[in-house]
């Protein structure tokens, strides 16, 4: 019975680690997308940092990436940047890879 309990605990620990890592990747990706968008809007470094934080917080509104895409696309459009939602989604995809790489380097 202890072998089964040990395996169960190991599985639960791995699941918790994987979930935490996924959360960290998404949070880092959102910050990178916020910095990317801030650069397109020509914000100052201080404004860019604050904006990147708002993008991270925007992801907490609903499940999935739709809330982040809508926020970034809306903010870019309001700032007069010529862009479409597909380009914002492509930036999300690119920054997901970058975020995962950055977090792996920290290990």
PDB file of N, CA and C in Angstrom:
ATOM      1  N   UNK A   1       0.818  -1.193   0.000  1.00  0.00           N
ATOM      2  CA  UNK A   1       0.000   0.000   0.000  1.00  0.00           C
ATOM      3  C   UNK A   1       0.867   1.264   0.000  1.00  0.00           C
ATOM      4  N   UNK A   2       2.027   1.256   0.644  1.00  0.00           N
ATOM      5  CA  UNK A   2       2.870   2.447   0.675  1.00  0.00           C
ATOM      6  C   UNK A   2       3.431   2.781  -0.699  1.00  0.00           C
ATOM      7  N   UNK A   3       3.695   1.792  -1.529  1.00  0.00           N
ATOM      8  CA  UNK A   3       4.176   2.050  -2.874  1.00  0.00           C
ATOM      9  C   UNK A   3       3.128   2.822  -3.663  1.00  0.00           C
ATOM     10  N   UNK A   4       1.876   2.411  -3.532  1.00  0.00           N
ATOM     11  CA  UNK A   4       0.792   3.119  -4.204  1.00  0.00           C
ATOM     12  C   UNK A   4       0.672   4.544  -3.669  1.00  0.00           C
ATOM     13  N   UNK A   5       0.764   4.718  -2.369  1.00  0.00           N
ATOM     14  CA  UNK A   5       0.677   6.052  -1.756  1.00  0.00           C
ATOM     15  C   UNK A   5       1.835   6.935  -2.222  1.00  0.00           C
ATOM     16  N   UNK A   6       3.028   6.358  -2.303  1.00  0.00           N
ATOM     17  CA  UNK A   6       4.192   7.109  -2.772  1.00  0.00           C
ATOM     18  C   UNK A   6       4.012   7.551  -4.216  1.00  0.00           C
ATOM     19  N   UNK A   7       3.506   6.673  -5.040  1.00  0.00           N
ATOM     20  CA  UNK A   7       3.268   7.010  -6.443  1.00  0.00           C
ATOM     21  C   UNK A   7       2.217   8.096  -6.569  1.00  0.00           C
ATOM     22  N   UNK A   8       1.178   7.984  -5.742  1.00  0.00           N
ATOM     23  CA  UNK A   8       0.116   8.995  -5.776  1.00  0.00           C
ATOM     24  C   UNK A   8       0.665  10.366  -5.363  1.00  0.00           C
ATOM     25  N   UNK A   9       1.453  10.414  -4.315  1.00  0.00           N
ATOM     26  CA  UNK A   9       2.048  11.676  -3.862  1.00  0.00           C
ATOM     27  C   UNK A   9       2.983  12.247  -4.934  1.00  0.00           C
ATOM     28  N   UNK A  10       3.748  11.394  -5.565  1.00  0.00           N
ATOM     29  CA  UNK A  10       4.663  11.840  -6.616  1.00  0.00           C
ATOM     30  C   UNK A  10       3.876  12.420  -7.797  1.00  0.00           C
ATOM     31  N   UNK A  11       2.781  11.752  -8.166  1.00  0.00           N
ATOM     32  CA  UNK A  11       1.951  12.250  -9.251  1.00  0.00           C
ATOM     33  C   UNK A  11       1.347  13.604  -8.887  1.00  0.00           C
ATOM     34  N   UNK A  12       0.848  13.726  -7.676  1.00  0.00           N
ATOM     35  CA  UNK A  12       0.257  14.995  -7.233  1.00  0.00           C
ATOM     36  C   UNK A  12       1.302  16.107  -7.204  1.00  0.00           C
ATOM     37  N   UNK A  13       2.511  15.796  -6.765  1.00  0.00           N
ATOM     38  CA  UNK A  13       3.581  16.795  -6.732  1.00  0.00           C
ATOM     39  C   UNK A  13       3.958  17.238  -8.144  1.00  0.00           C
ATOM     40  N   UNK A  14       4.026  16.293  -9.069  1.00  0.00           N
ATOM     41  CA  UNK A  14       4.351  16.636 -10.456  1.00  0.00           C
ATOM     42  C   UNK A  14       3.247  17.479 -11.067  1.00  0.00           C
ATOM     43  N   UNK A  15       2.005  17.112 -10.807  1.00  0.00           N
ATOM     44  CA  UNK A  15       0.877  17.878 -11.328  1.00  0.00           C
ATOM     45  C   UNK A  15       0.925  19.317 -10.798  1.00  0.00           C
ATOM     46  N   UNK A  16       1.166  19.486  -9.508  1.00  0.00           N
ATOM     47  CA  UNK A  16       1.237  20.819  -8.907  1.00  0.00           C
ATOM     48  C   UNK A  16       2.391  21.624  -9.525  1.00  0.00           C
ATOM     49  N   UNK A  17       3.526  20.978  -9.719  1.00  0.00           N
ATOM     50  CA  UNK A  17       4.671  21.652 -10.329  1.00  0.00           C
ATOM     51  C   UNK A  17       4.354  22.074 -11.759  1.00  0.00           C
ATOM     52  N   UNK A  18       3.753  21.186 -12.534  1.00  0.00           N
ATOM     53  CA  UNK A  18       3.408  21.496 -13.923  1.00  0.00           C
ATOM     54  C   UNK A  18       2.416  22.653 -14.004  1.00  0.00           C
ATOM     55  N   UNK A  19       1.430  22.674 -13.105  1.00  0.00           N
ATOM     56  CA  UNK A  19       0.442  23.752 -13.092  1.00  0.00           C
ATOM     57  C   UNK A  19       1.099  25.082 -12.721  1.00  0.00           C
ATOM     58  N   UNK A  20       1.979  25.053 -11.742  1.00  0.00           N
ATOM     59  CA  UNK A  20       2.680  26.282 -11.344  1.00  0.00           C
ATOM     60  C   UNK A  20       3.540  26.789 -12.494  1.00  0.00           C
ATOM     61  N   UNK A  21       4.213  25.887 -13.178  1.00  0.00           N
ATOM     62  CA  UNK A  21       5.070  26.281 -14.291  1.00  0.00           C
ATOM     63  C   UNK A  21       4.234  26.878 -15.424  1.00  0.00           C
ATOM     64  N   UNK A  22       3.089  26.267 -15.711  1.00  0.00           N
ATOM     65  CA  UNK A  22       2.213  26.793 -16.762  1.00  0.00           C
ATOM     66  C   UNK A  22       1.743  28.208 -16.403  1.00  0.00           C
ATOM     67  N   UNK A  23       1.384  28.429 -15.141  1.00  0.00           N
ATOM     68  CA  UNK A  23       0.953  29.747 -14.692  1.00  0.00           C
ATOM     69  C   UNK A  23       2.089  30.758 -14.856  1.00  0.00           C
ATOM     70  N   UNK A  24       3.287  30.373 -14.479  1.00  0.00           N
ATOM     71  CA  UNK A  24       4.437  31.273 -14.581  1.00  0.00           C
ATOM     72  C   UNK A  24       4.760  31.612 -16.036  1.00  0.00           C
ATOM     73  N   UNK A  25       4.629  30.627 -16.925  1.00  0.00           N
ATOM     74  CA  UNK A  25       4.885  30.871 -18.349  1.00  0.00           C
ATOM     75  C   UNK A  25       3.880  31.881 -18.891  1.00  0.00           C
ATOM     76  N   UNK A  26       2.611  31.701 -18.561  1.00  0.00           N
ATOM     77  CA  UNK A  26       1.573  32.618 -19.064  1.00  0.00           C
ATOM     78  C   UNK A  26       1.779  34.020 -18.499  1.00  0.00           C
ATOM     79  N   UNK A  27       2.081  34.121 -17.211  1.00  0.00           N
ATOM     80  CA  UNK A  27       2.314  35.440 -16.612  1.00  0.00           C
ATOM     81  C   UNK A  27       3.512  36.129 -17.262  1.00  0.00           C
ATOM     82  N   UNK A  28       4.589  35.393 -17.468  1.00  0.00           N
ATOM     83  CA  UNK A  28       5.779  35.964 -18.103  1.00  0.00           C
ATOM     84  C   UNK A  28       5.458  36.354 -19.547  1.00  0.00           C
ATOM     85  N   UNK A  29       4.741  35.484 -20.246  1.00  0.00           N
ATOM     86  CA  UNK A  29       4.367  35.787 -21.633  1.00  0.00           C
ATOM     87  C   UNK A  29       3.545  37.068 -21.700  1.00  0.00           C
ATOM     88  N   UNK A  30       2.593  37.225 -20.797  1.00  0.00           N
ATOM     89  CA  UNK A  30       1.758  38.416 -20.808  1.00  0.00           C
ATOM     90  C   UNK A  30       2.579  39.673 -20.550  1.00  0.00           C
ATOM     91  N   UNK A  31       3.543  39.565 -19.658  1.00  0.00           N
ATOM     92  CA  UNK A  31       4.414  40.716 -19.390  1.00  0.00           C
ATOM     93  C   UNK A  31       5.233  41.059 -20.644  1.00  0.00           C
ATOM     94  N   UNK A  32       5.755  40.031 -21.322  1.00  0.00           N
ATOM     95  CA  UNK A  32       6.522  40.268 -22.548  1.00  0.00           C
ATOM     96  C   UNK A  32       5.655  40.880 -23.644  1.00  0.00           C
ATOM     97  N   UNK A  33       4.420  40.423 -23.760  1.00  0.00           N
ATOM     98  CA  UNK A  33       3.494  40.998 -24.750  1.00  0.00           C
ATOM     99  C   UNK A  33       3.192  42.446 -24.394  1.00  0.00           C
ATOM    100  N   UNK A  34       3.026  42.717 -23.106  1.00  0.00           N
ATOM    101  CA  UNK A  34       2.799  44.095 -22.675  1.00  0.00           C
ATOM    102  C   UNK A  34       3.978  44.992 -23.029  1.00  0.00           C
ATOM    103  N   UNK A  35       5.186  44.491 -22.864  1.00  0.00           N
ATOM    104  CA  UNK A  35       6.375  45.265 -23.218  1.00  0.00           C
ATOM    105  C   UNK A  35       6.457  45.474 -24.731  1.00  0.00           C
ATOM    106  N   UNK A  36       6.096  44.434 -25.477  1.00  0.00           N
ATOM    107  CA  UNK A  36       6.077  44.534 -26.944  1.00  0.00           C
ATOM    108  C   UNK A  36       5.088  45.609 -27.381  1.00  0.00           C
ATOM    109  N   UNK A  37       3.886  45.568 -26.810  1.00  0.00           N
ATOM    110  CA  UNK A  37       2.857  46.551 -27.173  1.00  0.00           C
ATOM    111  C   UNK A  37       3.269  47.954 -26.737  1.00  0.00           C
ATOM    112  N   UNK A  38       3.868  48.075 -25.574  1.00  0.00           N
ATOM    113  CA  UNK A  38       4.316  49.385 -25.082  1.00  0.00           C
ATOM    114  C   UNK A  38       5.355  49.988 -26.028  1.00  0.00           C
ATOM    115  N   UNK A  39       6.215  49.127 -26.561  1.00  0.00           N
ATOM    116  CA  UNK A  39       7.215  49.606 -27.517  1.00  0.00           C
ATOM    117  C   UNK A  39       6.536  50.128 -28.779  1.00  0.00           C
ATOM    118  N   UNK A  40       5.516  49.414 -29.251  1.00  0.00           N
ATOM    119  CA  UNK A  40       4.777  49.873 -30.434  1.00  0.00           C
ATOM    120  C   UNK A  40       4.050  51.184 -30.168  1.00  0.00           C
ATOM    121  N   UNK A  41       3.609  51.392 -28.923  1.00  0.00           N
ATOM    122  CA  UNK A  41       2.907  52.629 -28.558  1.00  0.00           C
ATOM    123  C   UNK A  41       3.882  53.732 -28.173  1.00  0.00           C
ATOM    124  N   UNK A  42       5.184  53.419 -28.194  1.00  0.00           N
ATOM    125  CA  UNK A  42       6.243  54.373 -27.881  1.00  0.00           C
ATOM    126  C   UNK A  42       6.095  54.958 -26.470  1.00  0.00           C
ATOM    127  N   UNK A  43       5.844  54.068 -25.509  1.00  0.00           N
ATOM    128  CA  UNK A  43       5.735  54.488 -24.114  1.00  0.00           C
ATOM    129  C   UNK A  43       7.122  54.624 -23.506  1.00  0.00           C
ATOM    130  N   UNK A  44       7.228  55.430 -22.465  1.00  0.00           N
ATOM    131  CA  UNK A  44       8.490  55.561 -21.737  1.00  0.00           C
ATOM    132  C   UNK A  44       8.752  54.260 -20.991  1.00  0.00           C
ATOM    133  N   UNK A  45       9.986  54.022 -20.549  1.00  0.00           N
ATOM    134  CA  UNK A  45      10.264  52.783 -19.802  1.00  0.00           C
ATOM    135  C   UNK A  45       9.366  52.611 -18.573  1.00  0.00           C
ATOM    136  N   UNK A  46       9.102  53.687 -17.856  1.00  0.00           N
ATOM    137  CA  UNK A  46       8.239  53.598 -16.679  1.00  0.00           C
ATOM    138  C   UNK A  46       6.804  53.258 -17.080  1.00  0.00           C
ATOM    139  N   UNK A  47       6.315  53.911 -18.126  1.00  0.00           N
ATOM    140  CA  UNK A  47       4.966  53.633 -18.624  1.00  0.00           C
ATOM    141  C   UNK A  47       4.884  52.206 -19.161  1.00  0.00           C
ATOM    142  N   UNK A  48       5.934  51.761 -19.823  1.00  0.00           N
ATOM    143  CA  UNK A  48       5.966  50.405 -20.384  1.00  0.00           C
ATOM    144  C   UNK A  48       5.878  49.360 -19.279  1.00  0.00           C
ATOM    145  N   UNK A  49       6.598  49.592 -18.190  1.00  0.00           N
ATOM    146  CA  UNK A  49       6.563  48.660 -17.070  1.00  0.00           C
ATOM    147  C   UNK A  49       5.170  48.611 -16.456  1.00  0.00           C
ATOM    148  N   UNK A  50       4.573  49.761 -16.259  1.00  0.00           N
ATOM    149  CA  UNK A  50       3.217  49.824 -15.701  1.00  0.00           C
ATOM    150  C   UNK A  50       2.214  49.170 -16.648  1.00  0.00           C
ATOM    151  N   UNK A  51       2.362  49.417 -17.941  1.00  0.00           N
ATOM    152  CA  UNK A  51       1.447  48.827 -18.913  1.00  0.00           C
ATOM    153  C   UNK A  51       1.576  47.305 -18.938  1.00  0.00           C
ATOM    154  N   UNK A  52       2.802  46.802 -18.894  1.00  0.00           N
ATOM    155  CA  UNK A  52       3.016  45.349 -18.897  1.00  0.00           C
ATOM    156  C   UNK A  52       2.314  44.710 -17.703  1.00  0.00           C
ATOM    157  N   UNK A  53       2.327  45.377 -16.563  1.00  0.00           N
ATOM    158  CA  UNK A  53       1.632  44.856 -15.382  1.00  0.00           C
ATOM    159  C   UNK A  53       0.122  44.824 -15.597  1.00  0.00           C
ATOM    160  N   UNK A  54      -0.424  45.814 -16.307  1.00  0.00           N
ATOM    161  CA  UNK A  54      -1.873  45.805 -16.556  1.00  0.00           C
ATOM    162  C   UNK A  54      -2.261  44.659 -17.490  1.00  0.00           C
ATOM    163  N   UNK A  55      -1.357  44.313 -18.400  1.00  0.00           N
ATOM    164  CA  UNK A  55      -1.640  43.182 -19.297  1.00  0.00           C
ATOM    165  C   UNK A  55      -1.657  41.878 -18.497  1.00  0.00           C
ATOM    166  N   UNK A  56      -0.737  41.729 -17.556  1.00  0.00           N
ATOM    167  CA  UNK A  56      -0.724  40.535 -16.702  1.00  0.00           C
ATOM    168  C   UNK A  56      -2.028  40.445 -15.922  1.00  0.00           C
ATOM    169  N   UNK A  57      -2.479  41.564 -15.370  1.00  0.00           N
ATOM    170  CA  UNK A  57      -3.719  41.572 -14.590  1.00  0.00           C
ATOM    171  C   UNK A  57      -4.949  41.340 -15.464  1.00  0.00           C
ATOM    172  N   UNK A  58      -4.892  41.760 -16.724  1.00  0.00           N
ATOM    173  CA  UNK A  58      -6.034  41.583 -17.626  1.00  0.00           C
ATOM    174  C   UNK A  58      -6.329  40.113 -17.869  1.00  0.00           C
ATOM    175  N   UNK A  59      -5.312  39.274 -17.771  1.00  0.00           N
ATOM    176  CA  UNK A  59      -5.497  37.843 -18.026  1.00  0.00           C
ATOM    177  C   UNK A  59      -6.351  37.179 -16.952  1.00  0.00           C
ATOM    178  N   UNK A  60      -6.549  37.833 -15.836  1.00  0.00           N
ATOM    179  CA  UNK A  60      -7.315  37.251 -14.745  1.00  0.00           C
ATOM    180  C   UNK A  60      -8.817  37.432 -14.926  1.00  0.00           C
ATOM    181  N   UNK A  61      -9.231  38.144 -15.964  1.00  0.00           N
ATOM    182  CA  UNK A  61     -10.646  38.423 -16.178  1.00  0.00           C
ATOM    183  C   UNK A  61     -11.442  37.195 -16.603  1.00  0.00           C
ATOM    184  N   UNK A  62     -10.871  36.373 -17.457  1.00  0.00           N
ATOM    185  CA  UNK A  62     -11.571  35.178 -17.947  1.00  0.00           C
ATOM    186  C   UNK A  62     -10.553  34.134 -18.377  1.00  0.00           C
ATOM    187  N   UNK A  63     -11.024  32.936 -18.547  1.00  0.00           N
ATOM    188  CA  UNK A  63     -10.144  31.850 -18.990  1.00  0.00           C
ATOM    189  C   UNK A  63      -9.737  32.072 -20.445  1.00  0.00           C
ATOM    190  N   UNK A  64      -8.550  31.650 -20.774  1.00  0.00           N
ATOM    191  CA  UNK A  64      -8.076  31.759 -22.149  1.00  0.00           C
ATOM    192  C   UNK A  64      -7.358  33.068 -22.406  1.00  0.00           C
ATOM    193  N   UNK A  65      -6.976  33.256 -23.650  1.00  0.00           N
ATOM    194  CA  UNK A  65      -6.187  34.423 -24.035  1.00  0.00           C
ATOM    195  C   UNK A  65      -7.016  35.563 -24.601  1.00  0.00           C
ATOM    196  N   UNK A  66      -8.319  35.358 -24.744  1.00  0.00           N
ATOM    197  CA  UNK A  66      -9.172  36.362 -25.360  1.00  0.00           C
ATOM    198  C   UNK A  66      -9.129  37.711 -24.665  1.00  0.00           C
ATOM    199  N   UNK A  67      -9.095  37.711 -23.344  1.00  0.00           N
ATOM    200  CA  UNK A  67      -9.070  38.966 -22.611  1.00  0.00           C
ATOM    201  C   UNK A  67      -7.771  39.734 -22.854  1.00  0.00           C
ATOM    202  N   UNK A  68      -6.671  39.022 -22.968  1.00  0.00           N
ATOM    203  CA  UNK A  68      -5.385  39.673 -23.231  1.00  0.00           C
ATOM    204  C   UNK A  68      -5.357  40.225 -24.652  1.00  0.00           C
ATOM    205  N   UNK A  69      -5.816  39.436 -25.609  1.00  0.00           N
ATOM    206  CA  UNK A  69      -5.833  39.887 -27.007  1.00  0.00           C
ATOM    207  C   UNK A  69      -6.702  41.132 -27.135  1.00  0.00           C
ATOM    208  N   UNK A  70      -7.902  41.107 -26.527  1.00  0.00           N
ATOM    209  CA  UNK A  70      -8.794  42.265 -26.616  1.00  0.00           C
ATOM    210  C   UNK A  70      -8.161  43.511 -26.000  1.00  0.00           C
ATOM    211  N   UNK A  71      -7.541  43.358 -24.837  1.00  0.00           N
ATOM    212  CA  UNK A  71      -6.927  44.512 -24.178  1.00  0.00           C
ATOM    213  C   UNK A  71      -5.804  45.091 -25.015  1.00  0.00           C
ATOM    214  N   UNK A  72      -4.871  44.252 -25.417  1.00  0.00           N
ATOM    215  CA  UNK A  72      -3.709  44.740 -26.161  1.00  0.00           C
ATOM    216  C   UNK A  72      -4.147  45.314 -27.506  1.00  0.00           C
ATOM    217  N   UNK A  73      -5.020  44.614 -28.207  1.00  0.00           N
ATOM    218  CA  UNK A  73      -5.499  45.110 -29.497  1.00  0.00           C
ATOM    219  C   UNK A  73      -6.222  46.445 -29.325  1.00  0.00           C
ATOM    220  N   UNK A  74      -7.079  46.530 -28.326  1.00  0.00           N
ATOM    221  CA  UNK A  74      -7.807  47.775 -28.077  1.00  0.00           C
ATOM    222  C   UNK A  74      -6.876  48.927 -27.730  1.00  0.00           C
ATOM    223  N   UNK A  75      -5.894  48.656 -26.891  1.00  0.00           N
ATOM    224  CA  UNK A  75      -4.950  49.709 -26.505  1.00  0.00           C
ATOM    225  C   UNK A  75      -4.085  50.148 -27.682  1.00  0.00           C
ATOM    226  N   UNK A  76      -3.643  49.184 -28.486  1.00  0.00           N
ATOM    227  CA  UNK A  76      -2.846  49.532 -29.661  1.00  0.00           C
ATOM    228  C   UNK A  76      -3.670  50.336 -30.661  1.00  0.00           C
ATOM    229  N   UNK A  77      -4.904  49.918 -30.880  1.00  0.00           N
ATOM    230  CA  UNK A  77      -5.784  50.653 -31.801  1.00  0.00           C
ATOM    231  C   UNK A  77      -6.034  52.060 -31.299  1.00  0.00           C
ATOM    232  N   UNK A  78      -6.294  52.189 -29.998  1.00  0.00           N
ATOM    233  CA  UNK A  78      -6.553  53.508 -29.407  1.00  0.00           C
ATOM    234  C   UNK A  78      -5.331  54.423 -29.524  1.00  0.00           C
ATOM    235  N   UNK A  79      -4.150  53.826 -29.524  1.00  0.00           N
ATOM    236  CA  UNK A  79      -2.912  54.603 -29.640  1.00  0.00           C
ATOM    237  C   UNK A  79      -2.565  54.912 -31.100  1.00  0.00           C
ATOM    238  N   UNK A  80      -3.397  54.448 -32.030  1.00  0.00           N
ATOM    239  CA  UNK A  80      -3.172  54.729 -33.442  1.00  0.00           C
ATOM    240  C   UNK A  80      -2.214  53.781 -34.128  1.00  0.00           C
ATOM    241  N   UNK A  81      -1.932  52.643 -33.505  1.00  0.00           N
ATOM    242  CA  UNK A  81      -1.030  51.658 -34.115  1.00  0.00           C
ATOM    243  C   UNK A  81      -1.854  50.805 -35.072  1.00  0.00           C
ATOM    244  N   UNK A  82      -1.402  50.708 -36.309  1.00  0.00           N
ATOM    245  CA  UNK A  82      -2.077  49.888 -37.315  1.00  0.00           C
ATOM    246  C   UNK A  82      -1.717  48.423 -37.085  1.00  0.00           C
ATOM    247  N   UNK A  83      -2.672  47.658 -36.586  1.00  0.00           N
ATOM    248  CA  UNK A  83      -2.430  46.250 -36.268  1.00  0.00           C
ATOM    249  C   UNK A  83      -3.765  45.526 -36.263  1.00  0.00           C
ATOM    250  N   UNK A  84      -3.732  44.213 -36.450  1.00  0.00           N
ATOM    251  CA  UNK A  84      -4.968  43.433 -36.356  1.00  0.00           C
ATOM    252  C   UNK A  84      -4.822  42.402 -35.237  1.00  0.00           C
ATOM    253  N   UNK A  85      -5.950  41.790 -34.899  1.00  0.00           N
ATOM    254  CA  UNK A  85      -5.951  40.829 -33.797  1.00  0.00           C
ATOM    255  C   UNK A  85      -5.039  39.634 -34.088  1.00  0.00           C
ATOM    256  N   UNK A  86      -4.922  39.255 -35.359  1.00  0.00           N
ATOM    257  CA  UNK A  86      -4.056  38.125 -35.716  1.00  0.00           C
ATOM    258  C   UNK A  86      -2.600  38.428 -35.366  1.00  0.00           C
ATOM    259  N   UNK A  87      -2.183  39.671 -35.544  1.00  0.00           N
ATOM    260  CA  UNK A  87      -0.809  40.040 -35.203  1.00  0.00           C
ATOM    261  C   UNK A  87      -0.594  39.993 -33.691  1.00  0.00           C
ATOM    262  N   UNK A  88      -1.604  40.389 -32.934  1.00  0.00           N
ATOM    263  CA  UNK A  88      -1.506  40.316 -31.471  1.00  0.00           C
ATOM    264  C   UNK A  88      -1.435  38.852 -31.041  1.00  0.00           C
ATOM    265  N   UNK A  89      -2.253  38.001 -31.653  1.00  0.00           N
ATOM    266  CA  UNK A  89      -2.224  36.578 -31.332  1.00  0.00           C
ATOM    267  C   UNK A  89      -0.876  35.973 -31.702  1.00  0.00           C
ATOM    268  N   UNK A  90      -0.311  36.392 -32.824  1.00  0.00           N
ATOM    269  CA  UNK A  90       1.009  35.903 -33.228  1.00  0.00           C
ATOM    270  C   UNK A  90       2.069  36.336 -32.210  1.00  0.00           C
ATOM    271  N   UNK A  91       1.947  37.556 -31.691  1.00  0.00           N
ATOM    272  CA  UNK A  91       2.883  38.023 -30.663  1.00  0.00           C
ATOM    273  C   UNK A  91       2.743  37.181 -29.395  1.00  0.00           C
ATOM    274  N   UNK A  92       1.504  36.825 -29.038  1.00  0.00           N
ATOM    275  CA  UNK A  92       1.286  35.950 -27.883  1.00  0.00           C
ATOM    276  C   UNK A  92       2.006  34.620 -28.078  1.00  0.00           C
ATOM    277  N   UNK A  93       1.864  34.053 -29.265  1.00  0.00           N
ATOM    278  CA  UNK A  93       2.505  32.769 -29.562  1.00  0.00           C
ATOM    279  C   UNK A  93       4.025  32.873 -29.479  1.00  0.00           C
ATOM    280  N   UNK A  94       4.578  33.940 -30.072  1.00  0.00           N
ATOM    281  CA  UNK A  94       6.026  34.129 -30.046  1.00  0.00           C
ATOM    282  C   UNK A  94       6.534  34.324 -28.621  1.00  0.00           C
ATOM    283  N   UNK A  95       5.808  35.107 -27.857  1.00  0.00           N
ATOM    284  CA  UNK A  95       6.255  35.396 -26.494  1.00  0.00           C
ATOM    285  C   UNK A  95       6.061  34.208 -25.557  1.00  0.00           C
ATOM    286  N   UNK A  96       5.160  33.297 -25.897  1.00  0.00           N
ATOM    287  CA  UNK A  96       5.023  32.071 -25.107  1.00  0.00           C
ATOM    288  C   UNK A  96       6.317  31.268 -25.183  1.00  0.00           C
ATOM    289  N   UNK A  97       6.866  31.167 -26.372  1.00  0.00           N
ATOM    290  CA  UNK A  97       8.133  30.453 -26.564  1.00  0.00           C
ATOM    291  C   UNK A  97       9.249  31.162 -25.803  1.00  0.00           C
ATOM    292  N   UNK A  98       9.287  32.485 -25.913  1.00  0.00           N
ATOM    293  CA  UNK A  98      10.330  33.253 -25.229  1.00  0.00           C
ATOM    294  C   UNK A  98      10.205  33.108 -23.710  1.00  0.00           C
ATOM    295  N   UNK A  99       8.987  33.152 -23.201  1.00  0.00           N
ATOM    296  CA  UNK A  99       8.764  33.029 -21.755  1.00  0.00           C
ATOM    297  C   UNK A  99       9.200  31.666 -21.249  1.00  0.00           C
ATOM    298  N   UNK A 100       8.853  30.625 -21.999  1.00  0.00           N
ATOM    299  CA  UNK A 100       9.245  29.271 -21.599  1.00  0.00           C
ATOM    300  C   UNK A 100      10.766  29.144 -21.576  1.00  0.00           C
ATOM    301  N   UNK A 101      11.426  29.708 -22.580  1.00  0.00           N
ATOM    302  CA  UNK A 101      12.888  29.655 -22.612  1.00  0.00           C
ATOM    303  C   UNK A 101      13.507  30.403 -21.434  1.00  0.00           C
ATOM    304  N   UNK A 102      12.973  31.564 -21.137  1.00  0.00           N
ATOM    305  CA  UNK A 102      13.497  32.347 -20.016  1.00  0.00           C
ATOM    306  C   UNK A 102      13.357  31.601 -18.705  1.00  0.00           C
ATOM    307  N   UNK A 103      12.206  30.978 -18.493  1.00  0.00           N
ATOM    308  CA  UNK A 103      11.987  30.249 -17.241  1.00  0.00           C
ATOM    309  C   UNK A 103      12.861  29.004 -17.161  1.00  0.00           C
ATOM    310  N   UNK A 104      13.125  28.364 -18.291  1.00  0.00           N
ATOM    311  CA  UNK A 104      14.005  27.194 -18.284  1.00  0.00           C
ATOM    312  C   UNK A 104      15.432  27.593 -17.956  1.00  0.00           C
ATOM    313  N   UNK A 105      15.836  28.780 -18.393  1.00  0.00           N
ATOM    314  CA  UNK A 105      17.184  29.265 -18.100  1.00  0.00           C
ATOM    315  C   UNK A 105      17.363  29.543 -16.624  1.00  0.00           C
ATOM    316  N   UNK A 106      16.268  29.888 -15.938  1.00  0.00           N
ATOM    317  CA  UNK A 106      16.340  30.200 -14.508  1.00  0.00           C
ATOM    318  C   UNK A 106      16.502  28.962 -13.645  1.00  0.00           C
ATOM    319  N   UNK A 107      16.175  27.808 -14.196  1.00  0.00           N
ATOM    320  CA  UNK A 107      16.232  26.566 -13.407  1.00  0.00           C
ATOM    321  C   UNK A 107      17.604  26.200 -13.011  1.00  0.00           C
TER     322      UNK A 107
END
